[in-house]
Amino acid sequence: MMLGMAGLAPPLKIAPRPAAGGYSSFMSSPAMEPSLPPVDEATVRAHAGELRALAARHGITGLRFASPGRLVGHLAEDRDAFDVADFEIAAVSMLGAEVRLYSDRVLGKPNVSPDLVAARPL
């Protein structure tokens, strides 16, 4: 092997090859996990009390239904994304359907999804 000017080997010249699923061979493939259907409004409303209690344990208040699988809530200042993730995991387990929580902090951002703005309280 020939060494370059600084005693380092020259960079390897590797051409990316297409991999299964259309991804470059340098990229990982998405996990093949079974996905759950998004939670519907009737299910969320039927479990509203339980969801509000669960949310409160994670520093989330003002829970609102935006659209299937999407809730909006206020995350306390002393809480973080891990609290949101823990809430989502517990809610999915409770409801048997996909749940995503969006902080109400996104509502003032440009191009926010209209369903999040129009979310209705539980």
PDB file of N, CA and C in Angstrom:
ATOM      1  N   MET A   1       0.846  -1.165   0.000  1.00  0.00           N
ATOM      2  CA  MET A   1       0.000   0.000   0.000  1.00  0.00           C
ATOM      3  C   MET A   1       0.889   1.225   0.000  1.00  0.00           C
ATOM      4  N   MET A   2       0.603   2.166  -0.864  1.00  0.00           N
ATOM      5  CA  MET A   2       1.384   3.406  -0.931  1.00  0.00           C
ATOM      6  C   MET A   2       0.784   4.406   0.039  1.00  0.00           C
ATOM      7  N   LEU A   3       1.620   5.119   0.736  1.00  0.00           N
ATOM      8  CA  LEU A   3       1.150   6.132   1.671  1.00  0.00           C
ATOM      9  C   LEU A   3       1.211   7.498   1.022  1.00  0.00           C
ATOM     10  N   GLY A   4       0.275   8.353   1.392  1.00  0.00           N
ATOM     11  CA  GLY A   4       0.209   9.708   0.860  1.00  0.00           C
ATOM     12  C   GLY A   4       1.226  10.610   1.535  1.00  0.00           C
ATOM     13  N   MET A   5       1.105  11.925   1.288  1.00  0.00           N
ATOM     14  CA  MET A   5       2.071  12.909   1.765  1.00  0.00           C
ATOM     15  C   MET A   5       2.196  12.918   3.278  1.00  0.00           C
ATOM     16  N   ALA A   6       1.142  12.810   4.010  1.00  0.00           N
ATOM     17  CA  ALA A   6       1.195  12.894   5.466  1.00  0.00           C
ATOM     18  C   ALA A   6       1.325  11.515   6.108  1.00  0.00           C
ATOM     19  N   GLY A   7       1.674  10.525   5.313  1.00  0.00           N
ATOM     20  CA  GLY A   7       1.809   9.191   5.847  1.00  0.00           C
ATOM     21  C   GLY A   7       0.482   8.461   5.962  1.00  0.00           C
ATOM     22  N   LEU A   8      -0.546   9.030   5.368  1.00  0.00           N
ATOM     23  CA  LEU A   8      -1.876   8.414   5.415  1.00  0.00           C
ATOM     24  C   LEU A   8      -2.161   7.692   4.119  1.00  0.00           C
ATOM     25  N   ALA A   9      -2.914   6.649   4.200  1.00  0.00           N
ATOM     26  CA  ALA A   9      -3.318   5.925   3.003  1.00  0.00           C
ATOM     27  C   ALA A   9      -4.267   6.794   2.202  1.00  0.00           C
ATOM     28  N   PRO A  10      -4.207   6.721   0.871  1.00  0.00           N
ATOM     29  CA  PRO A  10      -5.141   7.504   0.062  1.00  0.00           C
ATOM     30  C   PRO A  10      -6.571   7.044   0.320  1.00  0.00           C
ATOM     31  N   PRO A  11      -7.530   7.948   0.151  1.00  0.00           N
ATOM     32  CA  PRO A  11      -8.924   7.560   0.413  1.00  0.00           C
ATOM     33  C   PRO A  11      -9.369   6.461  -0.540  1.00  0.00           C
ATOM     34  N   LEU A  12     -10.178   5.580  -0.029  1.00  0.00           N
ATOM     35  CA  LEU A  12     -10.719   4.506  -0.853  1.00  0.00           C
ATOM     36  C   LEU A  12     -11.738   5.079  -1.817  1.00  0.00           C
ATOM     37  N   LYS A  13     -11.768   4.538  -2.993  1.00  0.00           N
ATOM     38  CA  LYS A  13     -12.755   4.952  -3.981  1.00  0.00           C
ATOM     39  C   LYS A  13     -13.782   3.844  -4.086  1.00  0.00           C
ATOM     40  N   ILE A  14     -14.899   4.038  -3.424  1.00  0.00           N
ATOM     41  CA  ILE A  14     -15.952   3.032  -3.403  1.00  0.00           C
ATOM     42  C   ILE A  14     -17.179   3.642  -4.046  1.00  0.00           C
ATOM     43  N   ALA A  15     -17.679   2.994  -5.044  1.00  0.00           N
ATOM     44  CA  ALA A  15     -18.895   3.465  -5.707  1.00  0.00           C
ATOM     45  C   ALA A  15     -20.097   2.846  -5.017  1.00  0.00           C
ATOM     46  N   PRO A  16     -21.075   3.679  -4.632  1.00  0.00           N
ATOM     47  CA  PRO A  16     -22.273   3.100  -4.002  1.00  0.00           C
ATOM     48  C   PRO A  16     -23.013   2.213  -4.990  1.00  0.00           C
ATOM     49  N   ARG A  17     -23.545   1.134  -4.476  1.00  0.00           N
ATOM     50  CA  ARG A  17     -24.340   0.232  -5.292  1.00  0.00           C
ATOM     51  C   ARG A  17     -25.780   0.270  -4.816  1.00  0.00           C
ATOM     52  N   PRO A  18     -26.721   0.183  -5.728  1.00  0.00           N
ATOM     53  CA  PRO A  18     -28.118   0.122  -5.283  1.00  0.00           C
ATOM     54  C   PRO A  18     -28.335  -1.118  -4.440  1.00  0.00           C
ATOM     55  N   ALA A  19     -29.096  -0.971  -3.394  1.00  0.00           N
ATOM     56  CA  ALA A  19     -29.422  -2.094  -2.522  1.00  0.00           C
ATOM     57  C   ALA A  19     -30.919  -2.345  -2.579  1.00  0.00           C
ATOM     58  N   ALA A  20     -31.335  -3.372  -1.909  1.00  0.00           N
ATOM     59  CA  ALA A  20     -32.753  -3.722  -1.883  1.00  0.00           C
ATOM     60  C   ALA A  20     -33.578  -2.552  -1.376  1.00  0.00           C
ATOM     61  N   GLY A  21     -34.732  -2.362  -1.933  1.00  0.00           N
ATOM     62  CA  GLY A  21     -35.629  -1.308  -1.477  1.00  0.00           C
ATOM     63  C   GLY A  21     -35.258   0.070  -2.020  1.00  0.00           C
ATOM     64  N   GLY A  22     -34.290   0.152  -2.933  1.00  0.00           N
ATOM     65  CA  GLY A  22     -33.925   1.429  -3.516  1.00  0.00           C
ATOM     66  C   GLY A  22     -32.968   2.261  -2.676  1.00  0.00           C
ATOM     67  N   TYR A  23     -32.510   1.744  -1.545  1.00  0.00           N
ATOM     68  CA  TYR A  23     -31.572   2.476  -0.707  1.00  0.00           C
ATOM     69  C   TYR A  23     -30.153   2.249  -1.193  1.00  0.00           C
ATOM     70  N   SER A  24     -29.312   3.229  -1.032  1.00  0.00           N
ATOM     71  CA  SER A  24     -27.901   3.075  -1.324  1.00  0.00           C
ATOM     72  C   SER A  24     -27.333   2.040  -0.368  1.00  0.00           C
ATOM     73  N   SER A  25     -26.290   1.350  -0.795  1.00  0.00           N
ATOM     74  CA  SER A  25     -25.681   0.345   0.081  1.00  0.00           C
ATOM     75  C   SER A  25     -25.031   0.979   1.300  1.00  0.00           C
ATOM     76  N   PHE A  26     -24.842   2.308   1.296  1.00  0.00           N
ATOM     77  CA  PHE A  26     -24.265   3.007   2.440  1.00  0.00           C
ATOM     78  C   PHE A  26     -25.312   3.395   3.473  1.00  0.00           C
ATOM     79  N   MET A  27     -26.569   3.179   3.165  1.00  0.00           N
ATOM     80  CA  MET A  27     -27.646   3.562   4.083  1.00  0.00           C
ATOM     81  C   MET A  27     -28.271   2.317   4.690  1.00  0.00           C
ATOM     82  N   SER A  28     -28.753   2.467   5.907  1.00  0.00           N
ATOM     83  CA  SER A  28     -29.441   1.339   6.516  1.00  0.00           C
ATOM     84  C   SER A  28     -30.837   1.224   5.918  1.00  0.00           C
ATOM     85  N   SER A  29     -31.402   0.080   6.031  1.00  0.00           N
ATOM     86  CA  SER A  29     -32.764  -0.141   5.554  1.00  0.00           C
ATOM     87  C   SER A  29     -33.740   0.121   6.682  1.00  0.00           C
ATOM     88  N   PRO A  30     -34.945   0.573   6.353  1.00  0.00           N
ATOM     89  CA  PRO A  30     -35.931   0.791   7.411  1.00  0.00           C
ATOM     90  C   PRO A  30     -36.312  -0.520   8.075  1.00  0.00           C
ATOM     91  N   ALA A  31     -36.621  -0.445   9.344  1.00  0.00           N
ATOM     92  CA  ALA A  31     -37.019  -1.642  10.084  1.00  0.00           C
ATOM     93  C   ALA A  31     -38.345  -2.155   9.544  1.00  0.00           C
ATOM     94  N   MET A  32     -38.432  -3.442   9.432  1.00  0.00           N
ATOM     95  CA  MET A  32     -39.669  -4.054   8.964  1.00  0.00           C
ATOM     96  C   MET A  32     -40.481  -4.467  10.179  1.00  0.00           C
ATOM     97  N   GLU A  33     -41.165  -3.522  10.762  1.00  0.00           N
ATOM     98  CA  GLU A  33     -41.984  -3.785  11.934  1.00  0.00           C
ATOM     99  C   GLU A  33     -43.448  -3.692  11.539  1.00  0.00           C
ATOM    100  N   PRO A  34     -44.263  -4.547  12.104  1.00  0.00           N
ATOM    101  CA  PRO A  34     -45.686  -4.412  11.806  1.00  0.00           C
ATOM    102  C   PRO A  34     -46.185  -3.090  12.384  1.00  0.00           C
ATOM    103  N   SER A  35     -46.950  -2.374  11.606  1.00  0.00           N
ATOM    104  CA  SER A  35     -47.450  -1.104  12.109  1.00  0.00           C
ATOM    105  C   SER A  35     -48.909  -1.251  12.531  1.00  0.00           C
ATOM    106  N   LEU A  36     -49.261  -0.490  13.522  1.00  0.00           N
ATOM    107  CA  LEU A  36     -50.631  -0.483  14.020  1.00  0.00           C
ATOM    108  C   LEU A  36     -51.418   0.590  13.287  1.00  0.00           C
ATOM    109  N   PRO A  37     -52.718   0.435  13.215  1.00  0.00           N
ATOM    110  CA  PRO A  37     -53.514   1.503  12.613  1.00  0.00           C
ATOM    111  C   PRO A  37     -53.512   2.720  13.533  1.00  0.00           C
ATOM    112  N   PRO A  38     -53.696   3.916  12.987  1.00  0.00           N
ATOM    113  CA  PRO A  38     -53.749   5.102  13.851  1.00  0.00           C
ATOM    114  C   PRO A  38     -55.006   5.071  14.717  1.00  0.00           C
ATOM    115  N   VAL A  39     -54.883   5.557  15.938  1.00  0.00           N
ATOM    116  CA  VAL A  39     -56.029   5.576  16.844  1.00  0.00           C
ATOM    117  C   VAL A  39     -57.085   6.539  16.304  1.00  0.00           C
ATOM    118  N   ASP A  40     -58.341   6.134  16.395  1.00  0.00           N
ATOM    119  CA  ASP A  40     -59.419   6.994  15.903  1.00  0.00           C
ATOM    120  C   ASP A  40     -59.995   7.843  17.042  1.00  0.00           C
ATOM    121  N   GLU A  41     -60.784   8.829  16.659  1.00  0.00           N
ATOM    122  CA  GLU A  41     -61.318   9.765  17.653  1.00  0.00           C
ATOM    123  C   GLU A  41     -62.230   9.084  18.661  1.00  0.00           C
ATOM    124  N   ALA A  42     -63.051   8.132  18.210  1.00  0.00           N
ATOM    125  CA  ALA A  42     -63.963   7.447  19.133  1.00  0.00           C
ATOM    126  C   ALA A  42     -63.180   6.707  20.223  1.00  0.00           C
ATOM    127  N   THR A  43     -62.097   6.053  19.861  1.00  0.00           N
ATOM    128  CA  THR A  43     -61.280   5.335  20.844  1.00  0.00           C
ATOM    129  C   THR A  43     -60.619   6.307  21.809  1.00  0.00           C
ATOM    130  N   VAL A  44     -60.082   7.404  21.280  1.00  0.00           N
ATOM    131  CA  VAL A  44     -59.441   8.410  22.137  1.00  0.00           C
ATOM    132  C   VAL A  44     -60.454   8.962  23.131  1.00  0.00           C
ATOM    133  N   ARG A  45     -61.636   9.301  22.669  1.00  0.00           N
ATOM    134  CA  ARG A  45     -62.652   9.885  23.553  1.00  0.00           C
ATOM    135  C   ARG A  45     -63.155   8.861  24.571  1.00  0.00           C
ATOM    136  N   ALA A  46     -63.226   7.586  24.174  1.00  0.00           N
ATOM    137  CA  ALA A  46     -63.655   6.540  25.113  1.00  0.00           C
ATOM    138  C   ALA A  46     -62.638   6.337  26.237  1.00  0.00           C
ATOM    139  N   HIS A  47     -61.390   6.689  25.987  1.00  0.00           N
ATOM    140  CA  HIS A  47     -60.316   6.532  26.973  1.00  0.00           C
ATOM    141  C   HIS A  47     -59.763   7.882  27.424  1.00  0.00           C
ATOM    142  N   ALA A  48     -60.542   8.932  27.272  1.00  0.00           N
ATOM    143  CA  ALA A  48     -60.059  10.292  27.554  1.00  0.00           C
ATOM    144  C   ALA A  48     -59.531  10.452  28.974  1.00  0.00           C
ATOM    145  N   GLY A  49     -60.254   9.943  29.949  1.00  0.00           N
ATOM    146  CA  GLY A  49     -59.819  10.066  31.337  1.00  0.00           C
ATOM    147  C   GLY A  49     -58.490   9.367  31.590  1.00  0.00           C
ATOM    148  N   GLU A  50     -58.364   8.156  31.051  1.00  0.00           N
ATOM    149  CA  GLU A  50     -57.114   7.408  31.210  1.00  0.00           C
ATOM    150  C   GLU A  50     -55.961   8.107  30.499  1.00  0.00           C
ATOM    151  N   LEU A  51     -56.228   8.646  29.303  1.00  0.00           N
ATOM    152  CA  LEU A  51     -55.184   9.345  28.556  1.00  0.00           C
ATOM    153  C   LEU A  51     -54.744  10.628  29.260  1.00  0.00           C
ATOM    154  N   ARG A  52     -55.702  11.367  29.813  1.00  0.00           N
ATOM    155  CA  ARG A  52     -55.344  12.593  30.554  1.00  0.00           C
ATOM    156  C   ARG A  52     -54.494  12.256  31.778  1.00  0.00           C
ATOM    157  N   ALA A  53     -54.843  11.177  32.493  1.00  0.00           N
ATOM    158  CA  ALA A  53     -54.062  10.766  33.667  1.00  0.00           C
ATOM    159  C   ALA A  53     -52.657  10.324  33.254  1.00  0.00           C
ATOM    160  N   LEU A  54     -52.567   9.557  32.191  1.00  0.00           N
ATOM    161  CA  LEU A  54     -51.270   9.126  31.674  1.00  0.00           C
ATOM    162  C   LEU A  54     -50.436  10.337  31.253  1.00  0.00           C
ATOM    163  N   ALA A  55     -51.055  11.246  30.551  1.00  0.00           N
ATOM    164  CA  ALA A  55     -50.359  12.458  30.103  1.00  0.00           C
ATOM    165  C   ALA A  55     -49.840  13.262  31.289  1.00  0.00           C
ATOM    166  N   ALA A  56     -50.660  13.408  32.314  1.00  0.00           N
ATOM    167  CA  ALA A  56     -50.261  14.180  33.497  1.00  0.00           C
ATOM    168  C   ALA A  56     -49.019  13.577  34.153  1.00  0.00           C
ATOM    169  N   ARG A  57     -48.918  12.252  34.171  1.00  0.00           N
ATOM    170  CA  ARG A  57     -47.740  11.598  34.748  1.00  0.00           C
ATOM    171  C   ARG A  57     -46.465  11.918  33.973  1.00  0.00           C
ATOM    172  N   HIS A  58     -46.619  12.362  32.737  1.00  0.00           N
ATOM    173  CA  HIS A  58     -45.467  12.694  31.890  1.00  0.00           C
ATOM    174  C   HIS A  58     -45.324  14.194  31.669  1.00  0.00           C
ATOM    175  N   GLY A  59     -46.047  14.995  32.467  1.00  0.00           N
ATOM    176  CA  GLY A  59     -45.925  16.445  32.366  1.00  0.00           C
ATOM    177  C   GLY A  59     -46.643  17.042  31.175  1.00  0.00           C
ATOM    178  N   ILE A  60     -47.680  16.368  30.709  1.00  0.00           N
ATOM    179  CA  ILE A  60     -48.436  16.812  29.534  1.00  0.00           C
ATOM    180  C   ILE A  60     -49.849  17.176  29.977  1.00  0.00           C
ATOM    181  N   THR A  61     -50.289  18.361  29.602  1.00  0.00           N
ATOM    182  CA  THR A  61     -51.651  18.819  29.918  1.00  0.00           C
ATOM    183  C   THR A  61     -52.316  19.312  28.637  1.00  0.00           C
ATOM    184  N   GLY A  62     -53.600  19.632  28.751  1.00  0.00           N
ATOM    185  CA  GLY A  62     -54.319  20.199  27.609  1.00  0.00           C
ATOM    186  C   GLY A  62     -54.380  19.272  26.416  1.00  0.00           C
ATOM    187  N   LEU A  63     -54.604  17.988  26.661  1.00  0.00           N
ATOM    188  CA  LEU A  63     -54.622  16.992  25.594  1.00  0.00           C
ATOM    189  C   LEU A  63     -55.782  17.239  24.635  1.00  0.00           C
ATOM    190  N   ARG A  64     -55.482  17.190  23.325  1.00  0.00           N
ATOM    191  CA  ARG A  64     -56.496  17.432  22.285  1.00  0.00           C
ATOM    192  C   ARG A  64     -56.335  16.421  21.148  1.00  0.00           C
ATOM    193  N   PHE A  65     -57.454  16.067  20.522  1.00  0.00           N
ATOM    194  CA  PHE A  65     -57.436  15.154  19.373  1.00  0.00           C
ATOM    195  C   PHE A  65     -57.333  15.992  18.105  1.00  0.00           C
ATOM    196  N   ALA A  66     -56.326  15.704  17.267  1.00  0.00           N
ATOM    197  CA  ALA A  66     -56.131  16.451  16.023  1.00  0.00           C
ATOM    198  C   ALA A  66     -56.674  15.682  14.821  1.00  0.00           C
ATOM    199  N   SER A  67     -56.271  14.439  14.686  1.00  0.00           N
ATOM    200  CA  SER A  67     -56.696  13.580  13.580  1.00  0.00           C
ATOM    201  C   SER A  67     -56.284  12.156  13.943  1.00  0.00           C
ATOM    202  N   PRO A  68     -56.700  11.160  13.164  1.00  0.00           N
ATOM    203  CA  PRO A  68     -56.351   9.789  13.516  1.00  0.00           C
ATOM    204  C   PRO A  68     -54.847   9.629  13.790  1.00  0.00           C
ATOM    205  N   GLY A  69     -54.540   9.142  14.990  1.00  0.00           N
ATOM    206  CA  GLY A  69     -53.167   8.899  15.390  1.00  0.00           C
ATOM    207  C   GLY A  69     -52.411  10.107  15.896  1.00  0.00           C
ATOM    208  N   ARG A  70     -53.046  11.294  15.908  1.00  0.00           N
ATOM    209  CA  ARG A  70     -52.331  12.527  16.265  1.00  0.00           C
ATOM    210  C   ARG A  70     -53.040  13.282  17.381  1.00  0.00           C
ATOM    211  N   LEU A  71     -52.286  13.498  18.474  1.00  0.00           N
ATOM    212  CA  LEU A  71     -52.782  14.288  19.602  1.00  0.00           C
ATOM    213  C   LEU A  71     -51.888  15.509  19.771  1.00  0.00           C
ATOM    214  N   VAL A  72     -52.452  16.547  20.379  1.00  0.00           N
ATOM    215  CA  VAL A  72     -51.698  17.759  20.711  1.00  0.00           C
ATOM    216  C   VAL A  72     -51.801  17.935  22.212  1.00  0.00           C
ATOM    217  N   GLY A  73     -50.724  18.377  22.837  1.00  0.00           N
ATOM    218  CA  GLY A  73     -50.743  18.638  24.269  1.00  0.00           C
ATOM    219  C   GLY A  73     -49.677  19.645  24.637  1.00  0.00           C
ATOM    220  N   HIS A  74     -49.784  20.159  25.850  1.00  0.00           N
ATOM    221  CA  HIS A  74     -48.796  21.110  26.353  1.00  0.00           C
ATOM    222  C   HIS A  74     -47.788  20.350  27.211  1.00  0.00           C
ATOM    223  N   LEU A  75     -46.521  20.436  26.842  1.00  0.00           N
ATOM    224  CA  LEU A  75     -45.451  19.778  27.576  1.00  0.00           C
ATOM    225  C   LEU A  75     -44.852  20.769  28.562  1.00  0.00           C
ATOM    226  N   ALA A  76     -44.825  20.395  29.841  1.00  0.00           N
ATOM    227  CA  ALA A  76     -44.273  21.266  30.883  1.00  0.00           C
ATOM    228  C   ALA A  76     -42.824  21.621  30.565  1.00  0.00           C
ATOM    229  N   GLU A  77     -42.413  22.798  30.986  1.00  0.00           N
ATOM    230  CA  GLU A  77     -41.066  23.296  30.699  1.00  0.00           C
ATOM    231  C   GLU A  77     -39.964  22.375  31.223  1.00  0.00           C
ATOM    232  N   ASP A  78     -40.220  21.668  32.324  1.00  0.00           N
ATOM    233  CA  ASP A  78     -39.191  20.805  32.904  1.00  0.00           C
ATOM    234  C   ASP A  78     -39.198  19.391  32.317  1.00  0.00           C
ATOM    235  N   ARG A  79     -39.949  19.184  31.259  1.00  0.00           N
ATOM    236  CA  ARG A  79     -40.036  17.866  30.614  1.00  0.00           C
ATOM    237  C   ARG A  79     -39.382  17.934  29.243  1.00  0.00           C
ATOM    238  N   ASP A  80     -39.136  16.753  28.640  1.00  0.00           N
ATOM    239  CA  ASP A  80     -38.434  16.729  27.357  1.00  0.00           C
ATOM    240  C   ASP A  80     -39.009  15.659  26.431  1.00  0.00           C
ATOM    241  N   ALA A  81     -38.305  15.434  25.337  1.00  0.00           N
ATOM    242  CA  ALA A  81     -38.768  14.483  24.323  1.00  0.00           C
ATOM    243  C   ALA A  81     -38.883  13.058  24.857  1.00  0.00           C
ATOM    244  N   PHE A  82     -38.102  12.735  25.888  1.00  0.00           N
ATOM    245  CA  PHE A  82     -38.212  11.396  26.471  1.00  0.00           C
ATOM    246  C   PHE A  82     -39.567  11.206  27.148  1.00  0.00           C
ATOM    247  N   ASP A  83     -40.090  12.260  27.759  1.00  0.00           N
ATOM    248  CA  ASP A  83     -41.427  12.180  28.366  1.00  0.00           C
ATOM    249  C   ASP A  83     -42.484  11.977  27.288  1.00  0.00           C
ATOM    250  N   VAL A  84     -42.326  12.666  26.169  1.00  0.00           N
ATOM    251  CA  VAL A  84     -43.257  12.496  25.050  1.00  0.00           C
ATOM    252  C   VAL A  84     -43.187  11.056  24.541  1.00  0.00           C
ATOM    253  N   ALA A  85     -41.985  10.543  24.348  1.00  0.00           N
ATOM    254  CA  ALA A  85     -41.824   9.168  23.860  1.00  0.00           C
ATOM    255  C   ALA A  85     -42.417   8.156  24.833  1.00  0.00           C
ATOM    256  N   ASP A  86     -42.174   8.359  26.126  1.00  0.00           N
ATOM    257  CA  ASP A  86     -42.742   7.451  27.131  1.00  0.00           C
ATOM    258  C   ASP A  86     -44.268   7.487  27.100  1.00  0.00           C
ATOM    259  N   PHE A  87     -44.840   8.683  26.953  1.00  0.00           N
ATOM    260  CA  PHE A  87     -46.299   8.805  26.848  1.00  0.00           C
ATOM    261  C   PHE A  87     -46.798   8.054  25.626  1.00  0.00           C
ATOM    262  N   GLU A  88     -46.160   8.271  24.480  1.00  0.00           N
ATOM    263  CA  GLU A  88     -46.603   7.619  23.242  1.00  0.00           C
ATOM    264  C   GLU A  88     -46.565   6.097  23.365  1.00  0.00           C
ATOM    265  N   ILE A  89     -45.486   5.577  23.923  1.00  0.00           N
ATOM    266  CA  ILE A  89     -45.354   4.120  24.074  1.00  0.00           C
ATOM    267  C   ILE A  89     -46.453   3.571  24.974  1.00  0.00           C
ATOM    268  N   ALA A  90     -46.702   4.254  26.090  1.00  0.00           N
ATOM    269  CA  ALA A  90     -47.746   3.800  27.019  1.00  0.00           C
ATOM    270  C   ALA A  90     -49.129   3.926  26.387  1.00  0.00           C
ATOM    271  N   ALA A  91     -49.365   5.001  25.622  1.00  0.00           N
ATOM    272  CA  ALA A  91     -50.669   5.195  24.975  1.00  0.00           C
ATOM    273  C   ALA A  91     -50.908   4.132  23.904  1.00  0.00           C
ATOM    274  N   VAL A  92     -49.883   3.809  23.142  1.00  0.00           N
ATOM    275  CA  VAL A  92     -50.007   2.752  22.128  1.00  0.00           C
ATOM    276  C   VAL A  92     -50.347   1.428  22.804  1.00  0.00           C
ATOM    277  N   SER A  93     -49.686   1.143  23.906  1.00  0.00           N
ATOM    278  CA  SER A  93     -49.955  -0.091  24.647  1.00  0.00           C
ATOM    279  C   SER A  93     -51.387  -0.103  25.190  1.00  0.00           C
ATOM    280  N   MET A  94     -51.837   1.026  25.703  1.00  0.00           N
ATOM    281  CA  MET A  94     -53.179   1.132  26.260  1.00  0.00           C
ATOM    282  C   MET A  94     -54.260   0.988  25.193  1.00  0.00           C
ATOM    283  N   LEU A  95     -54.066   1.626  24.045  1.00  0.00           N
ATOM    284  CA  LEU A  95     -55.109   1.708  23.029  1.00  0.00           C
ATOM    285  C   LEU A  95     -54.984   0.668  21.922  1.00  0.00           C
ATOM    286  N   GLY A  96     -53.806   0.056  21.782  1.00  0.00           N
ATOM    287  CA  GLY A  96     -53.604  -0.914  20.712  1.00  0.00           C
ATOM    288  C   GLY A  96     -53.632  -0.288  19.339  1.00  0.00           C
ATOM    289  N   ALA A  97     -53.259   0.983  19.270  1.00  0.00           N
ATOM    290  CA  ALA A  97     -53.245   1.717  18.009  1.00  0.00           C
ATOM    291  C   ALA A  97     -52.139   2.766  18.062  1.00  0.00           C
ATOM    292  N   GLU A  98     -51.726   3.239  16.901  1.00  0.00           N
ATOM    293  CA  GLU A  98     -50.641   4.211  16.804  1.00  0.00           C
ATOM    294  C   GLU A  98     -51.061   5.568  17.359  1.00  0.00           C
ATOM    295  N   VAL A  99     -50.195   6.161  18.195  1.00  0.00           N
ATOM    296  CA  VAL A  99     -50.455   7.471  18.803  1.00  0.00           C
ATOM    297  C   VAL A  99     -49.182   8.306  18.699  1.00  0.00           C
ATOM    298  N   ARG A 100     -49.306   9.525  18.216  1.00  0.00           N
ATOM    299  CA  ARG A 100     -48.212  10.491  18.197  1.00  0.00           C
ATOM    300  C   ARG A 100     -48.682  11.749  18.903  1.00  0.00           C
ATOM    301  N   LEU A 101     -47.825  12.288  19.758  1.00  0.00           N
ATOM    302  CA  LEU A 101     -48.145  13.521  20.473  1.00  0.00           C
ATOM    303  C   LEU A 101     -47.311  14.657  19.903  1.00  0.00           C
ATOM    304  N   TYR A 102     -47.967  15.761  19.595  1.00  0.00           N
ATOM    305  CA  TYR A 102     -47.301  16.966  19.111  1.00  0.00           C
ATOM    306  C   TYR A 102     -47.447  18.044  20.170  1.00  0.00           C
ATOM    307  N   SER A 103     -46.341  18.669  20.502  1.00  0.00           N
ATOM    308  CA  SER A 103     -46.367  19.745  21.487  1.00  0.00           C
ATOM    309  C   SER A 103     -47.117  20.941  20.920  1.00  0.00           C
ATOM    310  N   ASP A 104     -47.871  21.613  21.778  1.00  0.00           N
ATOM    311  CA  ASP A 104     -48.587  22.799  21.313  1.00  0.00           C
ATOM    312  C   ASP A 104     -47.622  23.928  20.940  1.00  0.00           C
ATOM    313  N   ARG A 105     -46.343  23.745  21.216  1.00  0.00           N
ATOM    314  CA  ARG A 105     -45.343  24.747  20.811  1.00  0.00           C
ATOM    315  C   ARG A 105     -45.214  24.833  19.294  1.00  0.00           C
ATOM    316  N   VAL A 106     -45.626  23.790  18.574  1.00  0.00           N
ATOM    317  CA  VAL A 106     -45.531  23.818  17.113  1.00  0.00           C
ATOM    318  C   VAL A 106     -46.623  24.676  16.482  1.00  0.00           C
ATOM    319  N   LEU A 107     -47.646  25.005  17.241  1.00  0.00           N
ATOM    320  CA  LEU A 107     -48.797  25.693  16.662  1.00  0.00           C
ATOM    321  C   LEU A 107     -48.463  27.083  16.115  1.00  0.00           C
ATOM    322  N   GLY A 108     -47.441  27.718  16.624  1.00  0.00           N
ATOM    323  CA  GLY A 108     -47.059  29.036  16.141  1.00  0.00           C
ATOM    324  C   GLY A 108     -46.073  29.004  14.991  1.00  0.00           C
ATOM    325  N   LYS A 109     -45.681  27.836  14.556  1.00  0.00           N
ATOM    326  CA  LYS A 109     -44.694  27.698  13.483  1.00  0.00           C
ATOM    327  C   LYS A 109     -45.360  27.878  12.119  1.00  0.00           C
ATOM    328  N   PRO A 110     -44.598  28.365  11.133  1.00  0.00           N
ATOM    329  CA  PRO A 110     -45.168  28.462   9.783  1.00  0.00           C
ATOM    330  C   PRO A 110     -45.416  27.063   9.209  1.00  0.00           C
ATOM    331  N   ASN A 111     -46.414  26.964   8.397  1.00  0.00           N
ATOM    332  CA  ASN A 111     -46.751  25.723   7.685  1.00  0.00           C
ATOM    333  C   ASN A 111     -47.140  24.568   8.589  1.00  0.00           C
ATOM    334  N   VAL A 112     -47.632  24.870   9.789  1.00  0.00           N
ATOM    335  CA  VAL A 112     -48.074  23.799  10.672  1.00  0.00           C
ATOM    336  C   VAL A 112     -49.317  23.147  10.070  1.00  0.00           C
ATOM    337  N   SER A 113     -49.442  21.871  10.255  1.00  0.00           N
ATOM    338  CA  SER A 113     -50.567  21.113   9.710  1.00  0.00           C
ATOM    339  C   SER A 113     -51.890  21.643  10.290  1.00  0.00           C
ATOM    340  N   PRO A 114     -52.879  21.892   9.447  1.00  0.00           N
ATOM    341  CA  PRO A 114     -54.159  22.445   9.918  1.00  0.00           C
ATOM    342  C   PRO A 114     -54.867  21.579  10.956  1.00  0.00           C
ATOM    343  N   ASP A 115     -54.680  20.253  10.905  1.00  0.00           N
ATOM    344  CA  ASP A 115     -55.345  19.399  11.889  1.00  0.00           C
ATOM    345  C   ASP A 115     -54.811  19.652  13.286  1.00  0.00           C
ATOM    346  N   LEU A 116     -53.541  20.003  13.411  1.00  0.00           N
ATOM    347  CA  LEU A 116     -52.977  20.297  14.722  1.00  0.00           C
ATOM    348  C   LEU A 116     -53.551  21.604  15.275  1.00  0.00           C
ATOM    349  N   VAL A 117     -53.721  22.580  14.414  1.00  0.00           N
ATOM    350  CA  VAL A 117     -54.287  23.876  14.833  1.00  0.00           C
ATOM    351  C   VAL A 117     -55.733  23.716  15.270  1.00  0.00           C
ATOM    352  N   ALA A 118     -56.482  22.870  14.579  1.00  0.00           N
ATOM    353  CA  ALA A 118     -57.911  22.692  14.842  1.00  0.00           C
ATOM    354  C   ALA A 118     -58.205  21.585  15.868  1.00  0.00           C
ATOM    355  N   ALA A 119     -57.179  21.072  16.528  1.00  0.00           N
ATOM    356  CA  ALA A 119     -57.376  19.969  17.489  1.00  0.00           C
ATOM    357  C   ALA A 119     -58.401  20.325  18.547  1.00  0.00           C
ATOM    358  N   ARG A 120     -59.253  19.344  18.897  1.00  0.00           N
ATOM    359  CA  ARG A 120     -60.346  19.545  19.853  1.00  0.00           C
ATOM    360  C   ARG A 120     -60.021  18.905  21.203  1.00  0.00           C
ATOM    361  N   PRO A 121     -60.281  19.619  22.291  1.00  0.00           N
ATOM    362  CA  PRO A 121     -59.962  19.091  23.634  1.00  0.00           C
ATOM    363  C   PRO A 121     -60.678  17.771  23.912  1.00  0.00           C
ATOM    364  N   LEU A 122     -60.012  16.928  24.704  1.00  0.00           N
ATOM    365  CA  LEU A 122     -60.653  15.661  25.127  1.00  0.00           C
ATOM    366  C   LEU A 122     -61.607  15.930  26.275  1.00  0.00           C
TER     367      LEU A 122
END
